[in-house]
N, C-alpha and C. Protein backbone atom coordinates (compact mmCIF):
# COMPACT_ATOMS: atom_id res chain seq x y z
N MET A 1 0.80 -1.39 -0.57
CA MET A 1 0.00 0.04 -0.30
C MET A 1 0.57 1.32 0.19
N ILE A 2 0.39 2.74 -0.94
CA ILE A 2 1.16 2.88 -1.29
C ILE A 2 0.72 4.58 -1.03
N ALA A 3 1.09 5.53 0.23
CA ALA A 3 0.41 7.00 -0.02
C ALA A 3 1.40 7.55 -0.46
N LEU A 4 1.23 8.44 -0.92
CA LEU A 4 1.71 9.88 -1.08
C LEU A 4 1.04 10.92 -0.59
N ILE A 5 1.82 11.32 0.18
CA ILE A 5 1.10 12.31 0.57
C ILE A 5 1.82 14.33 0.82
N GLN A 6 0.84 14.61 0.19
CA GLN A 6 1.55 16.55 0.47
C GLN A 6 0.80 16.91 1.68
N ARG A 7 1.33 17.88 1.66
CA ARG A 7 1.31 19.06 2.75
C ARG A 7 0.43 20.39 2.40
N VAL A 8 -0.42 20.83 2.42
CA VAL A 8 -0.91 21.54 1.48
C VAL A 8 -1.45 22.51 3.23
N SER A 9 -1.89 24.14 2.03
CA SER A 9 -3.02 24.57 2.58
C SER A 9 -3.89 24.70 2.16
N SER A 10 -4.53 24.38 0.85
CA SER A 10 -6.13 23.47 1.02
C SER A 10 -6.14 22.57 -0.43
N ALA A 11 -6.93 22.09 -0.54
CA ALA A 11 -6.88 20.57 -1.25
C ALA A 11 -8.15 20.35 -1.48
N THR A 12 -8.88 20.47 -3.14
CA THR A 12 -10.31 19.75 -3.35
C THR A 12 -10.01 19.14 -4.26
N VAL A 13 -11.96 18.23 -4.19
CA VAL A 13 -11.67 17.16 -5.04
C VAL A 13 -12.80 17.36 -5.98
N THR A 14 -12.92 17.29 -7.16
CA THR A 14 -14.79 17.59 -7.24
C THR A 14 -14.78 17.04 -9.38
N ILE A 15 -16.18 16.26 -8.67
CA ILE A 15 -16.15 15.83 -10.18
C ILE A 15 -18.10 16.53 -11.02
N GLU A 16 -17.22 16.30 -12.37
CA GLU A 16 -18.45 17.03 -12.82
C GLU A 16 -18.76 18.76 -12.07
N ASN A 17 -17.75 19.65 -12.03
CA ASN A 17 -18.30 21.00 -10.98
C ASN A 17 -18.85 20.67 -9.86
N GLU A 18 -19.13 19.40 -9.57
CA GLU A 18 -19.83 19.50 -8.18
C GLU A 18 -18.16 19.21 -7.26
N THR A 19 -17.82 19.93 -5.95
CA THR A 19 -16.62 19.76 -5.52
C THR A 19 -17.30 18.37 -4.40
N VAL A 20 -16.78 17.75 -4.80
CA VAL A 20 -17.36 16.11 -3.14
C VAL A 20 -16.65 16.49 -1.93
N GLY A 21 -14.98 16.64 -1.79
CA GLY A 21 -14.15 16.56 -0.88
C GLY A 21 -13.57 18.20 -0.63
N ALA A 22 -13.14 18.61 0.20
CA ALA A 22 -12.39 20.19 0.29
C ALA A 22 -11.93 19.89 2.26
N ILE A 23 -10.69 20.47 1.98
CA ILE A 23 -10.13 20.52 3.39
C ILE A 23 -9.26 21.86 3.13
N GLY A 24 -8.87 22.87 4.47
CA GLY A 24 -7.88 23.24 4.55
C GLY A 24 -6.69 23.00 4.49
N PRO A 25 -5.37 23.20 5.98
CA PRO A 25 -4.98 23.52 5.69
C PRO A 25 -4.50 21.30 6.36
N GLY A 26 -3.77 20.89 5.83
CA GLY A 26 -3.44 19.77 6.34
C GLY A 26 -2.80 18.34 4.78
N LEU A 27 -3.25 17.11 5.14
CA LEU A 27 -2.25 16.32 4.36
C LEU A 27 -3.45 15.99 2.73
N LEU A 28 -3.52 16.43 1.73
CA LEU A 28 -3.57 15.36 0.63
C LEU A 28 -2.79 14.00 0.31
N VAL A 29 -3.23 13.08 0.32
CA VAL A 29 -3.08 11.12 0.36
C VAL A 29 -3.47 11.25 -0.57
N LEU A 30 -2.70 10.30 -1.53
CA LEU A 30 -2.97 9.77 -2.82
C LEU A 30 -2.92 8.67 -2.28
N LEU A 31 -3.70 7.62 -2.28
CA LEU A 31 -3.57 6.53 -2.00
C LEU A 31 -3.49 4.90 -3.43
N GLY A 32 -2.90 4.35 -3.36
CA GLY A 32 -2.46 3.26 -4.31
C GLY A 32 -2.54 1.96 -4.12
N VAL A 33 -3.40 0.99 -3.93
CA VAL A 33 -3.51 -0.55 -3.27
C VAL A 33 -2.77 -1.48 -4.71
N GLU A 34 -1.63 -2.32 -3.26
CA GLU A 34 -1.33 -3.20 -4.26
C GLU A 34 -1.82 -4.79 -3.96
N LYS A 35 -1.45 -5.43 -5.44
CA LYS A 35 -1.73 -6.90 -4.58
C LYS A 35 -1.81 -7.22 -3.16
N GLY A 36 -2.01 -7.91 -2.54
CA GLY A 36 -1.49 -8.80 -1.23
C GLY A 36 -1.29 -7.61 -0.13
N ASP A 37 -1.94 -6.05 -0.36
CA ASP A 37 -2.19 -5.47 0.80
C ASP A 37 -3.24 -6.22 1.41
N ASP A 38 -3.76 -6.06 3.14
CA ASP A 38 -3.97 -6.83 4.44
C ASP A 38 -4.32 -5.47 4.74
N GLN A 39 -5.27 -5.90 5.81
CA GLN A 39 -5.37 -4.75 7.24
C GLN A 39 -3.89 -4.40 7.68
N ALA A 40 -3.35 -5.14 7.86
CA ALA A 40 -2.72 -5.42 8.91
C ALA A 40 -1.04 -3.80 8.19
N LYS A 41 -0.96 -4.23 6.78
CA LYS A 41 -0.35 -2.88 5.65
C LYS A 41 -1.05 -1.21 6.18
N ALA A 42 -2.61 -1.61 5.46
CA ALA A 42 -3.34 -0.17 6.12
C ALA A 42 -3.34 0.08 7.10
N ASP A 43 -3.72 -0.71 7.82
CA ASP A 43 -3.02 -0.41 9.92
C ASP A 43 -2.19 0.52 9.70
N LYS A 44 -0.62 -0.40 9.33
CA LYS A 44 0.18 0.80 9.63
C LYS A 44 0.26 2.25 8.58
N LEU A 45 -0.21 2.03 7.91
CA LEU A 45 -0.51 3.14 6.78
C LEU A 45 -0.74 3.90 7.69
N VAL A 46 -1.80 3.78 7.49
CA VAL A 46 -2.60 5.72 8.34
C VAL A 46 -2.10 5.84 9.78
N ARG A 47 -1.31 4.55 10.63
CA ARG A 47 -0.63 5.32 11.46
C ARG A 47 0.58 6.15 11.32
N LYS A 48 1.61 5.45 10.13
CA LYS A 48 1.78 6.43 9.80
C LYS A 48 1.96 7.90 9.06
N VAL A 49 1.23 8.17 8.33
CA VAL A 49 0.80 8.92 7.44
C VAL A 49 0.11 9.94 9.06
N LEU A 50 -0.66 9.30 10.23
CA LEU A 50 -1.29 10.15 10.73
C LEU A 50 0.11 10.50 11.51
N ALA A 51 0.81 10.06 12.13
CA ALA A 51 2.01 10.52 13.31
C ALA A 51 3.24 11.20 12.35
N TYR A 52 2.92 11.56 10.88
CA TYR A 52 4.27 11.34 10.31
C TYR A 52 4.74 12.95 10.79
N ARG A 53 5.95 13.33 10.72
CA ARG A 53 6.04 15.10 11.11
C ARG A 53 6.28 15.55 10.19
N VAL A 54 5.64 16.42 9.73
CA VAL A 54 5.93 16.67 7.57
C VAL A 54 5.41 18.69 8.74
N PHE A 55 4.67 18.73 9.57
CA PHE A 55 4.62 20.55 9.87
C PHE A 55 5.04 21.28 11.00
N ALA A 56 5.21 22.04 10.98
CA ALA A 56 6.34 23.12 11.38
C ALA A 56 5.95 23.56 13.03
N ASP A 57 6.85 23.12 13.77
CA ASP A 57 7.10 23.94 15.62
C ASP A 57 6.93 25.38 15.51
N ALA A 58 7.41 25.00 16.78
CA ALA A 58 7.55 26.91 17.60
C ALA A 58 8.75 27.17 16.70
N ASP A 59 9.12 26.24 16.32
CA ASP A 59 11.39 26.41 16.14
C ASP A 59 10.65 26.30 14.21
N ASP A 60 9.70 25.63 13.55
CA ASP A 60 10.11 26.33 12.03
C ASP A 60 10.59 24.72 11.65
N LYS A 61 10.53 24.36 13.19
CA LYS A 61 10.99 22.55 12.48
C LYS A 61 10.08 21.59 12.01
N MET A 62 10.47 20.95 11.26
CA MET A 62 9.28 19.38 11.17
C MET A 62 8.88 19.09 12.22
N ASN A 63 8.20 18.67 13.46
CA ASN A 63 8.36 18.74 14.12
C ASN A 63 7.00 17.96 14.51
N LEU A 64 6.38 18.14 13.89
CA LEU A 64 4.35 18.24 13.89
C LEU A 64 3.63 16.97 13.17
N ASN A 65 2.59 15.93 13.51
CA ASN A 65 1.78 15.48 12.82
C ASN A 65 0.81 16.19 12.52
N VAL A 66 0.39 15.83 11.28
CA VAL A 66 -1.53 16.86 11.00
C VAL A 66 -2.51 16.79 12.13
N SER A 67 -2.24 15.73 13.06
CA SER A 67 -3.46 16.09 14.64
C SER A 67 -2.79 17.33 15.03
N GLN A 68 -1.55 17.17 14.99
CA GLN A 68 -1.00 18.76 16.44
C GLN A 68 -1.02 19.60 15.32
N ALA A 69 -1.27 19.96 14.10
CA ALA A 69 -0.74 20.70 13.80
C ALA A 69 -2.79 21.72 13.69
N GLY A 70 -3.82 20.76 14.03
CA GLY A 70 -5.24 20.38 13.68
C GLY A 70 -5.68 20.42 11.84
N GLY A 71 -4.72 20.60 11.46
CA GLY A 71 -4.95 19.77 9.53
C GLY A 71 -6.14 18.89 10.18
N SER A 72 -6.67 18.10 8.59
CA SER A 72 -7.47 17.59 8.03
C SER A 72 -6.58 16.88 7.55
N LEU A 73 -7.62 15.73 6.53
CA LEU A 73 -6.42 14.40 5.39
C LEU A 73 -7.86 15.00 4.47
N LEU A 74 -6.83 14.75 3.13
CA LEU A 74 -8.64 14.43 1.98
C LEU A 74 -7.82 13.32 1.40
N VAL A 75 -8.30 12.36 1.21
CA VAL A 75 -8.20 11.24 0.66
C VAL A 75 -8.58 10.68 -1.18
N VAL A 76 -7.83 10.28 -1.84
CA VAL A 76 -7.93 10.14 -3.05
C VAL A 76 -7.22 9.23 -4.00
N SER A 77 -8.54 8.30 -3.87
CA SER A 77 -7.67 7.10 -4.41
C SER A 77 -7.04 7.00 -5.73
N GLN A 78 -5.62 6.57 -6.53
CA GLN A 78 -5.02 7.04 -6.76
C GLN A 78 -3.89 5.30 -7.37
N PHE A 79 -4.53 4.57 -8.40
CA PHE A 79 -4.12 3.77 -9.04
C PHE A 79 -3.28 3.54 -9.91
N THR A 80 -2.67 4.73 -9.95
CA THR A 80 -1.90 4.86 -11.04
C THR A 80 -0.39 4.57 -9.92
N LEU A 81 -0.07 5.12 -8.32
CA LEU A 81 0.82 4.30 -7.76
C LEU A 81 1.10 3.71 -7.75
N ALA A 82 0.39 2.37 -8.60
CA ALA A 82 0.45 1.15 -7.82
C ALA A 82 1.65 0.90 -9.35
N ALA A 83 2.27 1.66 -10.40
CA ALA A 83 2.51 0.73 -11.56
C ALA A 83 3.39 0.61 -11.84
N ASP A 84 3.56 -0.04 -12.80
CA ASP A 84 5.38 -0.66 -13.06
C ASP A 84 5.70 0.43 -13.55
N THR A 85 7.11 0.99 -13.49
CA THR A 85 7.08 2.02 -14.11
C THR A 85 9.26 1.67 -14.73
N ASN A 86 8.79 0.38 -14.98
CA ASN A 86 10.43 0.17 -14.75
C ASN A 86 11.25 -0.43 -15.54
N THR A 87 10.21 -0.63 -17.40
CA THR A 87 10.94 -1.38 -18.40
C THR A 87 9.49 -0.94 -19.03
N GLY A 88 10.41 -0.33 -20.51
CA GLY A 88 9.17 0.17 -21.31
C GLY A 88 8.71 1.86 -21.36
N LEU A 89 7.85 2.02 -21.72
CA LEU A 89 7.26 3.73 -21.67
C LEU A 89 6.28 3.65 -21.61
N ARG A 90 5.16 2.69 -21.31
CA ARG A 90 3.70 2.25 -21.27
C ARG A 90 4.06 1.89 -19.91
N PRO A 91 3.00 2.39 -18.37
CA PRO A 91 3.22 1.40 -17.41
C PRO A 91 2.52 0.19 -17.39
N SER A 92 3.03 -0.23 -16.46
CA SER A 92 1.77 -1.63 -16.16
C SER A 92 1.41 -1.02 -14.50
N PHE A 93 0.12 -2.28 -15.34
CA PHE A 93 -1.01 -2.39 -13.41
C PHE A 93 -1.13 -3.17 -12.87
N SER A 94 0.28 -3.97 -13.80
CA SER A 94 -0.55 -5.66 -13.28
C SER A 94 0.50 -5.76 -10.77
N ASN A 95 0.56 -4.55 -11.27
CA ASN A 95 1.05 -4.69 -9.49
C ASN A 95 -0.08 -4.51 -8.23
N GLY A 96 -1.53 -3.18 -9.69
CA GLY A 96 -2.34 -3.03 -8.89
C GLY A 96 -3.75 -4.01 -8.28
N ALA A 97 -3.91 -3.92 -7.00
CA ALA A 97 -5.07 -4.52 -6.86
C ALA A 97 -6.35 -4.19 -7.80
N SER A 98 -6.62 -5.44 -6.76
CA SER A 98 -8.56 -5.83 -7.79
C SER A 98 -9.24 -4.46 -8.08
N HIS A 99 -10.37 -4.93 -8.93
CA HIS A 99 -10.58 -3.08 -8.37
C HIS A 99 -11.54 -3.09 -7.10
N GLN A 100 -11.86 -4.34 -6.82
CA GLN A 100 -12.55 -4.92 -5.56
C GLN A 100 -11.81 -4.84 -4.30
N ASP A 101 -10.61 -5.35 -4.14
CA ASP A 101 -9.90 -5.29 -2.96
C ASP A 101 -9.89 -3.86 -3.07
N ALA A 102 -9.09 -3.12 -3.99
CA ALA A 102 -8.67 -2.12 -4.33
C ALA A 102 -10.03 -0.42 -3.88
N GLU A 103 -11.37 -0.98 -3.51
CA GLU A 103 -12.28 0.05 -2.84
C GLU A 103 -12.12 -0.55 -1.59
N HIS A 104 -11.62 -1.63 -1.37
CA HIS A 104 -12.09 -1.66 -0.69
C HIS A 104 -11.17 -1.13 1.01
N TRP A 105 -10.25 -1.22 0.88
CA TRP A 105 -9.51 -1.36 1.34
C TRP A 105 -9.02 0.32 1.14
N TYR A 106 -8.83 1.04 0.02
CA TYR A 106 -9.35 2.39 0.42
C TYR A 106 -10.81 2.90 1.09
N GLN A 107 -11.53 2.52 1.28
CA GLN A 107 -12.85 2.60 2.17
C GLN A 107 -11.82 2.83 3.56
N TYR A 108 -11.40 1.40 3.95
CA TYR A 108 -11.09 0.92 4.70
C TYR A 108 -10.14 1.63 5.92
N PHE A 109 -9.14 2.48 4.65
CA PHE A 109 -8.69 3.18 5.46
C PHE A 109 -9.03 4.40 5.43
N VAL A 110 -9.97 5.16 5.06
CA VAL A 110 -10.89 6.12 5.56
C VAL A 110 -11.20 6.25 6.80
N GLN A 111 -11.93 4.76 6.34
CA GLN A 111 -12.48 4.57 7.74
C GLN A 111 -11.19 4.81 9.72
N ALA A 112 -10.52 4.66 8.69
CA ALA A 112 -9.77 3.59 10.36
C ALA A 112 -8.62 5.92 10.56
N ALA A 113 -8.66 6.28 9.77
CA ALA A 113 -8.40 7.39 9.89
C ALA A 113 -9.61 8.41 10.55
N ARG A 114 -10.91 7.69 9.93
CA ARG A 114 -11.89 8.76 11.11
C ARG A 114 -12.17 8.02 12.12
N ALA A 115 -11.13 6.96 12.72
CA ALA A 115 -11.32 6.43 14.05
C ALA A 115 -10.52 6.99 14.74
N GLN A 116 -10.20 7.50 14.49
CA GLN A 116 -8.44 8.10 15.19
C GLN A 116 -8.91 9.44 15.27
N GLY A 117 -9.87 10.05 15.05
CA GLY A 117 -10.71 10.96 15.82
C GLY A 117 -9.77 12.58 14.63
N MET A 118 -10.16 11.85 13.34
CA MET A 118 -9.15 12.45 11.89
C MET A 118 -10.22 13.18 10.90
N THR A 119 -10.55 14.21 11.31
CA THR A 119 -11.37 15.04 9.64
C THR A 119 -10.55 15.03 8.78
N THR A 120 -12.05 13.81 8.18
CA THR A 120 -11.43 12.50 6.94
C THR A 120 -12.17 13.58 5.83
N GLU A 121 -12.16 14.00 4.67
CA GLU A 121 -12.77 14.35 3.37
C GLU A 121 -12.03 13.35 2.34
N THR A 122 -13.19 12.52 0.85
CA THR A 122 -12.34 12.05 0.18
C THR A 122 -12.70 12.17 -1.19
N GLY A 123 -12.45 11.82 -2.23
CA GLY A 123 -12.65 11.94 -3.22
C GLY A 123 -13.73 10.40 -3.70
N ARG A 124 -14.38 10.68 -4.89
CA ARG A 124 -14.76 9.41 -5.32
C ARG A 124 -13.98 8.38 -5.60
N PHE A 125 -14.63 7.02 -5.09
CA PHE A 125 -13.85 5.74 -5.66
C PHE A 125 -13.81 5.62 -6.95
N ALA A 126 -12.72 5.27 -7.50
CA ALA A 126 -12.77 4.97 -9.33
C ALA A 126 -13.49 6.16 -9.94
N ALA A 127 -13.49 7.48 -9.64
CA ALA A 127 -15.08 8.55 -10.63
C ALA A 127 -13.14 9.41 -11.34
N ASP A 128 -13.76 9.68 -12.00
CA ASP A 128 -12.83 11.33 -13.32
C ASP A 128 -13.47 11.93 -12.10
N MET A 129 -11.93 12.31 -11.85
CA MET A 129 -11.74 13.47 -10.48
C MET A 129 -10.62 14.30 -10.40
N GLN A 130 -11.19 15.65 -10.30
CA GLN A 130 -10.09 17.12 -10.54
C GLN A 130 -9.49 17.34 -9.05
N VAL A 131 -8.32 17.13 -9.51
CA VAL A 131 -7.87 17.04 -7.67
C VAL A 131 -7.15 19.02 -7.61
N SER A 132 -6.84 19.81 -7.02
CA SER A 132 -6.79 21.25 -6.30
C SER A 132 -6.10 20.72 -5.05
N LEU A 133 -4.92 21.75 -5.62
CA LEU A 133 -4.00 21.61 -4.42
C LEU A 133 -3.25 22.66 -4.23
N VAL A 134 -2.63 23.10 -3.17
CA VAL A 134 -2.33 24.35 -2.93
C VAL A 134 -1.12 23.18 -1.56
N ASN A 135 0.55 22.90 -2.93
CA ASN A 135 1.17 22.31 -1.69
C ASN A 135 2.10 23.21 -0.60
N ASP A 136 2.15 23.07 0.69
CA ASP A 136 2.08 24.19 1.20
C ASP A 136 3.77 23.20 1.73
N GLY A 137 5.15 24.39 0.85
CA GLY A 137 6.88 24.22 1.53
C GLY A 137 7.27 24.33 -0.64
N PRO A 138 7.70 23.54 -1.25
CA PRO A 138 6.24 22.41 -0.93
C PRO A 138 7.11 21.48 -0.57
N VAL A 139 5.80 20.50 0.18
CA VAL A 139 5.70 19.02 1.11
C VAL A 139 5.67 17.98 0.77
N THR A 140 6.25 16.81 -0.35
CA THR A 140 6.31 16.15 -0.43
C THR A 140 6.69 14.40 0.22
N PHE A 141 6.10 13.95 0.69
CA PHE A 141 6.65 12.24 0.59
C PHE A 141 6.12 11.34 0.14
N TRP A 142 6.53 10.38 -0.46
CA TRP A 142 5.55 8.43 -0.96
C TRP A 142 5.87 7.64 0.69
N LEU A 143 5.05 7.35 1.46
CA LEU A 143 5.27 6.45 2.06
C LEU A 143 4.65 4.85 1.33
N GLN A 144 4.95 3.57 2.03
CA GLN A 144 5.16 2.42 1.49
C GLN A 144 5.48 1.73 2.63
N VAL A 145 4.17 0.61 2.80
CA VAL A 145 4.12 -0.47 3.55
C VAL A 145 3.88 -2.17 2.94
């Protein structure tokens, strides 16, 4: 399971000119689900995303996690993160989970973040989404479990 996290000042997801998810300061989480991902991996990635210290403290050091910084999450399913790009000029998606498994683990990730008390907005699984963000920093990290 992969999370590409971006520290944002704001982020939105729009589908057919309708905003379906929006946050102010926080993390945009682009979530990719791979074959073999399971509850243990999902739980570990949720814990890591919520605990990852990418927000500045009073000394302007990256020492605060999203909760400590008063931020929110916007979680967007992104199957292309599971692409194999090692050979050729066309990505292979053979590492990606099935549609059913990817949707299950995406929903699980969102619910697990909410169960931890994190305000969590979403896109819509498998929809054609337009994602807008103001990357703060810019700060972007690839987390994989």
